[in-house]
């Protein structure tokens, strides 16, 4: 039974594949070159894979083959906010001379170290120290 169509379909391109398609074989040098290109800072592995006609998962597989498993960094770090100061209910009524804000305390606990910063701190310096302790570049 033919189904009538309101708009006739036109075929713009037909590709005929004959024979068996073989898997592409990459030498270790080619694999290493692609991996090094794909994982440069600022380069997207998906773009390199698309340009070279390979699946992006191959690039990750080859990276593990050459450089071993990559360390997984936690997406979120647990943070605990603690105060050594008495509660506001126990504090005396502030006077104009004592209205200066108290110095802050930042405490970050890593697997092998604890960082405690008291008083005013330069944000760039804090970021550099945290990156160094967590094993990442700032």
N, C-alpha and C. Protein backbone atom coordinates (compact mmCIF):
# COMPACT_ATOMS: atom_id res chain seq x y z
N UNK A 1 0.84 -1.16 0.00
CA UNK A 1 0.00 0.00 0.00
C UNK A 1 0.89 1.23 0.00
N UNK A 2 0.69 2.12 -0.90
CA UNK A 2 1.48 3.35 -1.00
C UNK A 2 0.85 4.43 -0.14
N UNK A 3 1.71 5.16 0.51
CA UNK A 3 1.23 6.27 1.35
C UNK A 3 1.47 7.56 0.58
N UNK A 4 0.41 8.30 0.27
CA UNK A 4 0.62 9.54 -0.47
C UNK A 4 1.34 10.57 0.39
N UNK A 5 2.22 11.32 -0.21
CA UNK A 5 2.99 12.33 0.53
C UNK A 5 2.64 13.70 -0.01
N UNK A 6 2.50 14.65 0.88
CA UNK A 6 2.18 16.01 0.47
C UNK A 6 3.38 16.66 -0.21
N UNK A 7 4.58 16.38 0.32
CA UNK A 7 5.80 16.96 -0.23
C UNK A 7 6.66 15.82 -0.75
N UNK A 8 6.98 15.81 -2.03
CA UNK A 8 7.81 14.72 -2.53
C UNK A 8 9.23 14.82 -1.97
N UNK A 9 9.82 13.68 -1.63
CA UNK A 9 11.18 13.65 -1.09
C UNK A 9 12.16 13.60 -2.24
N UNK A 10 13.25 14.31 -2.09
CA UNK A 10 14.30 14.25 -3.09
C UNK A 10 15.57 13.75 -2.43
N UNK A 11 16.29 12.93 -3.13
CA UNK A 11 17.54 12.41 -2.61
C UNK A 11 18.65 13.29 -3.15
N UNK A 12 19.40 13.87 -2.23
CA UNK A 12 20.45 14.79 -2.64
C UNK A 12 21.78 14.10 -2.84
N UNK A 13 22.06 13.07 -2.06
CA UNK A 13 23.35 12.40 -2.16
C UNK A 13 23.18 10.93 -1.80
N UNK A 14 23.80 10.09 -2.57
CA UNK A 14 23.78 8.66 -2.30
C UNK A 14 25.23 8.20 -2.25
N UNK A 15 25.57 7.46 -1.19
CA UNK A 15 26.93 6.93 -1.05
C UNK A 15 26.84 5.42 -1.06
N UNK A 16 27.59 4.80 -1.95
CA UNK A 16 27.59 3.35 -2.06
C UNK A 16 28.92 2.84 -1.49
N UNK A 17 28.84 1.97 -0.50
CA UNK A 17 30.03 1.40 0.12
C UNK A 17 30.15 -0.04 -0.35
N UNK A 18 31.27 -0.33 -0.96
CA UNK A 18 31.49 -1.70 -1.41
C UNK A 18 32.66 -2.29 -0.65
N UNK A 19 32.64 -3.56 -0.45
CA UNK A 19 33.73 -4.22 0.25
C UNK A 19 33.59 -4.08 1.77
N UNK A 20 34.58 -4.62 2.45
CA UNK A 20 34.59 -4.58 3.90
C UNK A 20 35.40 -3.39 4.39
N UNK A 21 34.88 -2.71 5.38
CA UNK A 21 35.62 -1.59 5.96
C UNK A 21 36.54 -2.14 7.04
N UNK A 22 37.81 -1.78 6.96
CA UNK A 22 38.78 -2.27 7.94
C UNK A 22 39.01 -1.21 9.00
N UNK A 23 39.35 -1.68 10.17
CA UNK A 23 39.70 -0.75 11.25
C UNK A 23 41.01 -0.06 10.93
N UNK A 24 41.07 1.19 11.29
CA UNK A 24 42.32 1.92 11.11
C UNK A 24 43.31 1.46 12.16
N UNK A 25 44.53 1.33 11.75
CA UNK A 25 45.59 0.93 12.67
C UNK A 25 46.48 2.15 12.92
N UNK A 26 46.70 2.47 14.20
CA UNK A 26 47.55 3.59 14.58
C UNK A 26 48.83 3.06 15.20
N UNK A 27 49.95 3.62 14.82
CA UNK A 27 51.21 3.25 15.46
C UNK A 27 51.27 3.93 16.82
N UNK A 28 52.17 3.46 17.67
CA UNK A 28 52.31 4.07 18.98
C UNK A 28 52.72 5.55 18.86
N UNK A 29 53.52 5.87 17.86
CA UNK A 29 53.94 7.26 17.65
C UNK A 29 52.75 8.14 17.30
N UNK A 30 51.86 7.63 16.43
CA UNK A 30 50.66 8.39 16.06
C UNK A 30 49.74 8.58 17.26
N UNK A 31 49.57 7.51 18.04
CA UNK A 31 48.72 7.60 19.23
C UNK A 31 49.26 8.64 20.20
N UNK A 32 50.57 8.57 20.46
CA UNK A 32 51.19 9.51 21.40
C UNK A 32 51.08 10.94 20.89
N UNK A 33 51.26 11.15 19.60
CA UNK A 33 51.14 12.50 19.03
C UNK A 33 49.72 13.04 19.22
N UNK A 34 48.71 12.20 18.97
CA UNK A 34 47.32 12.63 19.13
C UNK A 34 46.99 12.91 20.59
N UNK A 35 47.48 12.08 21.49
CA UNK A 35 47.22 12.29 22.92
C UNK A 35 47.87 13.59 23.38
N UNK A 36 49.12 13.82 22.99
CA UNK A 36 49.79 15.05 23.40
C UNK A 36 49.09 16.27 22.83
N UNK A 37 48.59 16.17 21.61
CA UNK A 37 47.86 17.30 21.01
C UNK A 37 46.53 17.54 21.73
N UNK A 38 45.82 16.47 22.06
CA UNK A 38 44.48 16.60 22.62
C UNK A 38 44.48 17.12 24.05
N UNK A 39 45.55 16.87 24.80
CA UNK A 39 45.53 17.22 26.21
C UNK A 39 46.46 18.38 26.56
N UNK A 40 46.71 19.23 25.57
CA UNK A 40 47.42 20.47 25.83
C UNK A 40 46.46 21.42 26.55
N UNK A 41 46.98 22.33 27.40
CA UNK A 41 46.09 23.30 28.06
C UNK A 41 45.33 24.13 27.03
N UNK A 42 44.05 24.26 27.22
CA UNK A 42 43.21 25.06 26.35
C UNK A 42 42.69 24.35 25.13
N UNK A 43 43.09 23.10 24.90
CA UNK A 43 42.65 22.33 23.74
C UNK A 43 41.53 21.39 24.19
N UNK A 44 40.51 21.27 23.36
CA UNK A 44 39.40 20.35 23.66
C UNK A 44 39.66 19.02 22.97
N UNK A 45 39.66 17.96 23.75
CA UNK A 45 39.93 16.62 23.21
C UNK A 45 38.89 16.24 22.17
N UNK A 46 37.64 16.67 22.35
CA UNK A 46 36.60 16.32 21.38
C UNK A 46 36.88 16.92 20.01
N UNK A 47 37.44 18.15 19.99
CA UNK A 47 37.75 18.77 18.70
C UNK A 47 38.87 18.03 17.97
N UNK A 48 39.89 17.61 18.72
CA UNK A 48 40.99 16.86 18.11
C UNK A 48 40.47 15.52 17.59
N UNK A 49 39.64 14.86 18.38
CA UNK A 49 39.09 13.56 17.96
C UNK A 49 38.26 13.71 16.70
N UNK A 50 37.42 14.73 16.65
CA UNK A 50 36.57 14.93 15.48
C UNK A 50 37.43 15.22 14.24
N UNK A 51 38.44 16.06 14.41
CA UNK A 51 39.29 16.41 13.27
C UNK A 51 40.05 15.19 12.74
N UNK A 52 40.47 14.28 13.64
CA UNK A 52 41.24 13.11 13.23
C UNK A 52 40.36 11.91 12.87
N UNK A 53 39.05 12.02 13.09
CA UNK A 53 38.14 10.95 12.73
C UNK A 53 38.18 9.77 13.68
N UNK A 54 38.46 10.03 14.98
CA UNK A 54 38.46 8.96 15.98
C UNK A 54 37.47 9.33 17.08
N UNK A 55 37.07 8.35 17.83
CA UNK A 55 36.19 8.60 18.97
C UNK A 55 37.01 9.18 20.11
N UNK A 56 36.43 10.12 20.85
CA UNK A 56 37.17 10.77 21.92
C UNK A 56 37.56 9.77 23.02
N UNK A 57 36.79 8.71 23.18
CA UNK A 57 37.14 7.71 24.20
C UNK A 57 38.46 7.02 23.88
N UNK A 58 38.79 6.94 22.59
CA UNK A 58 40.09 6.36 22.21
C UNK A 58 41.24 7.21 22.74
N UNK A 59 41.08 8.54 22.67
CA UNK A 59 42.14 9.42 23.16
C UNK A 59 42.36 9.21 24.66
N UNK A 60 41.27 9.07 25.42
CA UNK A 60 41.40 8.84 26.85
C UNK A 60 42.00 7.45 27.13
N UNK A 61 41.62 6.47 26.34
CA UNK A 61 42.18 5.13 26.50
C UNK A 61 43.69 5.13 26.21
N UNK A 62 44.08 5.82 25.14
CA UNK A 62 45.50 5.91 24.79
C UNK A 62 46.28 6.70 25.84
N UNK A 63 45.66 7.72 26.42
CA UNK A 63 46.34 8.48 27.48
C UNK A 63 46.62 7.57 28.68
N UNK A 64 45.64 6.74 29.07
CA UNK A 64 45.86 5.79 30.16
C UNK A 64 46.94 4.79 29.79
N UNK A 65 46.97 4.36 28.51
CA UNK A 65 47.96 3.39 28.05
C UNK A 65 49.37 3.95 28.19
N UNK A 66 49.56 5.23 27.85
CA UNK A 66 50.90 5.82 27.89
C UNK A 66 51.27 6.40 29.26
N UNK A 67 50.32 7.01 29.95
CA UNK A 67 50.64 7.76 31.17
C UNK A 67 50.01 7.19 32.43
N UNK A 68 49.29 6.09 32.32
CA UNK A 68 48.67 5.49 33.49
C UNK A 68 47.39 6.22 33.86
N UNK A 69 46.69 5.73 34.88
CA UNK A 69 45.44 6.38 35.27
C UNK A 69 45.71 7.77 35.83
N UNK A 70 44.84 8.70 35.50
CA UNK A 70 44.98 10.07 35.96
C UNK A 70 44.29 10.21 37.32
N UNK A 71 44.88 10.98 38.23
CA UNK A 71 44.25 11.13 39.54
C UNK A 71 42.94 11.90 39.41
N UNK A 72 41.95 11.45 40.13
CA UNK A 72 40.65 12.13 40.12
C UNK A 72 40.61 13.10 41.29
N UNK A 73 40.37 14.35 40.99
CA UNK A 73 40.26 15.36 42.02
C UNK A 73 38.80 15.47 42.42
N UNK A 74 38.53 15.63 43.70
CA UNK A 74 37.14 15.74 44.12
C UNK A 74 36.51 17.01 43.56
N UNK A 75 35.26 16.91 43.15
CA UNK A 75 34.57 18.08 42.62
C UNK A 75 34.27 19.08 43.73
N UNK A 76 33.99 18.58 44.93
CA UNK A 76 33.70 19.44 46.05
C UNK A 76 34.56 19.02 47.23
N UNK A 77 35.04 19.98 47.98
CA UNK A 77 35.81 19.71 49.17
C UNK A 77 34.90 19.95 50.37
N UNK A 78 34.93 19.07 51.36
CA UNK A 78 34.11 19.32 52.55
C UNK A 78 34.66 20.51 53.33
N UNK A 79 33.78 21.37 53.79
CA UNK A 79 34.18 22.56 54.55
C UNK A 79 33.42 22.55 55.86
N UNK A 80 34.14 22.80 56.94
CA UNK A 80 33.53 22.92 58.25
C UNK A 80 33.79 24.32 58.76
N UNK A 81 32.74 25.00 59.15
CA UNK A 81 32.89 26.34 59.69
C UNK A 81 32.83 26.22 61.20
N UNK A 82 33.90 26.66 61.86
CA UNK A 82 33.98 26.59 63.31
C UNK A 82 34.36 27.96 63.84
N UNK A 83 33.92 28.24 65.03
CA UNK A 83 34.27 29.51 65.65
C UNK A 83 34.82 29.26 67.04
N UNK A 84 35.86 30.01 67.40
CA UNK A 84 36.43 29.92 68.74
C UNK A 84 35.91 31.04 69.63
N UNK A 85 35.07 31.90 69.06
CA UNK A 85 34.55 33.03 69.80
C UNK A 85 33.28 32.64 70.53
N UNK A 86 32.98 33.33 71.64
CA UNK A 86 31.73 33.03 72.35
C UNK A 86 30.52 33.40 71.50
N UNK A 87 29.37 32.84 71.82
CA UNK A 87 28.17 33.12 71.05
C UNK A 87 27.75 34.57 71.26
N UNK A 88 26.90 35.07 70.37
CA UNK A 88 26.47 36.46 70.45
C UNK A 88 25.63 36.72 71.70
N UNK A 89 24.97 35.70 72.21
CA UNK A 89 24.15 35.88 73.40
C UNK A 89 25.01 36.21 74.62
N UNK A 90 26.23 35.67 74.67
CA UNK A 90 27.11 35.89 75.81
C UNK A 90 27.96 37.15 75.65
N UNK A 91 27.96 37.75 74.46
CA UNK A 91 28.83 38.90 74.21
C UNK A 91 28.25 40.16 74.84
N UNK A 92 29.12 41.04 75.36
CA UNK A 92 28.64 42.30 75.90
C UNK A 92 28.17 43.22 74.78
N UNK A 93 27.37 44.19 75.12
CA UNK A 93 26.87 45.16 74.15
C UNK A 93 28.05 45.93 73.57
N UNK A 94 28.18 46.04 72.24
CA UNK A 94 29.35 46.71 71.67
C UNK A 94 29.30 48.22 71.92
N UNK A 95 30.48 48.77 72.11
CA UNK A 95 30.62 50.21 72.25
C UNK A 95 31.30 50.72 70.99
N UNK A 96 31.24 52.03 70.68
CA UNK A 96 31.84 52.52 69.43
C UNK A 96 33.31 52.16 69.30
N UNK A 97 34.06 52.09 70.37
CA UNK A 97 35.48 51.76 70.30
C UNK A 97 35.71 50.30 69.93
N UNK A 98 34.75 49.43 70.24
CA UNK A 98 34.94 48.00 69.98
C UNK A 98 34.16 47.52 68.76
N UNK A 99 33.78 48.42 67.86
CA UNK A 99 32.98 48.05 66.69
C UNK A 99 33.83 47.61 65.51
N UNK A 100 35.13 47.44 65.66
CA UNK A 100 35.95 46.95 64.55
C UNK A 100 35.69 45.46 64.38
N UNK A 101 35.57 45.00 63.15
CA UNK A 101 35.29 43.58 62.95
C UNK A 101 36.47 42.73 63.39
N UNK A 102 36.19 41.53 63.92
CA UNK A 102 37.29 40.65 64.34
C UNK A 102 38.01 40.10 63.11
N UNK A 103 39.28 39.75 63.30
CA UNK A 103 40.04 39.13 62.21
C UNK A 103 39.45 37.76 61.91
N UNK A 104 39.38 37.41 60.62
CA UNK A 104 38.82 36.13 60.22
C UNK A 104 39.83 35.01 60.32
N UNK A 105 39.31 33.81 60.30
CA UNK A 105 40.15 32.61 60.31
C UNK A 105 39.70 31.73 59.16
N UNK A 106 40.64 31.32 58.35
CA UNK A 106 40.37 30.36 57.27
C UNK A 106 41.17 29.12 57.58
N UNK A 107 40.49 27.99 57.63
CA UNK A 107 41.17 26.73 57.90
C UNK A 107 40.75 25.72 56.84
N UNK A 108 41.73 25.17 56.11
CA UNK A 108 41.48 24.20 55.06
C UNK A 108 42.25 22.94 55.41
N UNK A 109 41.55 21.81 55.43
CA UNK A 109 42.19 20.53 55.77
C UNK A 109 42.33 19.69 54.52
N UNK A 110 43.56 19.31 54.21
CA UNK A 110 43.86 18.44 53.08
C UNK A 110 44.13 17.04 53.61
N UNK A 111 44.40 16.11 52.70
CA UNK A 111 44.67 14.74 53.11
C UNK A 111 45.91 14.65 54.00
N UNK A 112 46.94 15.44 53.68
CA UNK A 112 48.20 15.33 54.43
C UNK A 112 48.59 16.63 55.11
N UNK A 113 47.76 17.65 55.07
CA UNK A 113 48.15 18.93 55.66
C UNK A 113 46.92 19.71 56.08
N UNK A 114 47.13 20.68 56.95
CA UNK A 114 46.07 21.59 57.37
C UNK A 114 46.61 23.00 57.24
N UNK A 115 45.85 23.86 56.60
CA UNK A 115 46.23 25.25 56.38
C UNK A 115 45.32 26.13 57.23
N UNK A 116 45.91 26.98 58.05
CA UNK A 116 45.14 27.89 58.89
C UNK A 116 45.65 29.30 58.65
N UNK A 117 44.76 30.18 58.22
CA UNK A 117 45.11 31.56 57.93
C UNK A 117 44.29 32.44 58.86
N UNK A 118 44.97 33.27 59.62
CA UNK A 118 44.27 34.18 60.53
C UNK A 118 44.54 35.61 60.09
N UNK A 119 43.56 36.46 60.30
CA UNK A 119 43.71 37.86 59.96
C UNK A 119 43.49 38.10 58.48
N UNK A 120 43.72 39.33 58.05
CA UNK A 120 43.52 39.65 56.64
C UNK A 120 44.55 38.91 55.77
N UNK A 121 44.09 38.42 54.62
CA UNK A 121 44.98 37.65 53.74
C UNK A 121 44.73 38.07 52.30
N UNK A 122 45.79 38.08 51.50
CA UNK A 122 45.69 38.39 50.09
C UNK A 122 45.06 37.19 49.37
N UNK A 123 43.93 37.39 48.66
CA UNK A 123 43.27 36.26 47.99
C UNK A 123 44.17 35.52 46.99
N UNK A 124 45.02 36.23 46.28
CA UNK A 124 45.91 35.57 45.31
C UNK A 124 46.89 34.65 46.03
N UNK A 125 47.41 35.11 47.17
CA UNK A 125 48.34 34.29 47.94
C UNK A 125 47.64 33.05 48.49
N UNK A 126 46.42 33.22 49.00
CA UNK A 126 45.66 32.09 49.54
C UNK A 126 45.40 31.07 48.43
N UNK A 127 45.01 31.54 47.24
CA UNK A 127 44.78 30.63 46.12
C UNK A 127 46.02 29.87 45.71
N UNK A 128 47.17 30.56 45.70
CA UNK A 128 48.43 29.91 45.34
C UNK A 128 48.81 28.84 46.36
N UNK A 129 48.65 29.14 47.64
CA UNK A 129 48.98 28.18 48.69
C UNK A 129 48.07 26.96 48.62
N UNK A 130 46.77 27.19 48.43
CA UNK A 130 45.83 26.06 48.36
C UNK A 130 46.13 25.20 47.13
N UNK A 131 46.43 25.84 46.01
CA UNK A 131 46.76 25.07 44.79
C UNK A 131 48.02 24.25 45.01
N UNK A 132 49.02 24.81 45.68
CA UNK A 132 50.26 24.09 45.92
C UNK A 132 50.02 22.89 46.84
N UNK A 133 49.22 23.08 47.88
CA UNK A 133 48.96 21.99 48.82
C UNK A 133 48.07 20.90 48.21
N UNK A 134 47.22 21.27 47.27
CA UNK A 134 46.34 20.27 46.67
C UNK A 134 46.98 19.61 45.45
N UNK A 135 48.19 20.06 45.04
CA UNK A 135 48.90 19.42 43.96
C UNK A 135 48.52 19.96 42.59
N UNK A 136 47.83 21.08 42.53
CA UNK A 136 47.45 21.69 41.25
C UNK A 136 48.25 22.95 41.05
N UNK A 137 48.39 23.35 39.79
CA UNK A 137 49.09 24.60 39.52
C UNK A 137 48.08 25.75 39.61
N UNK A 138 48.55 26.90 40.09
CA UNK A 138 47.67 28.06 40.29
C UNK A 138 47.33 28.72 38.98
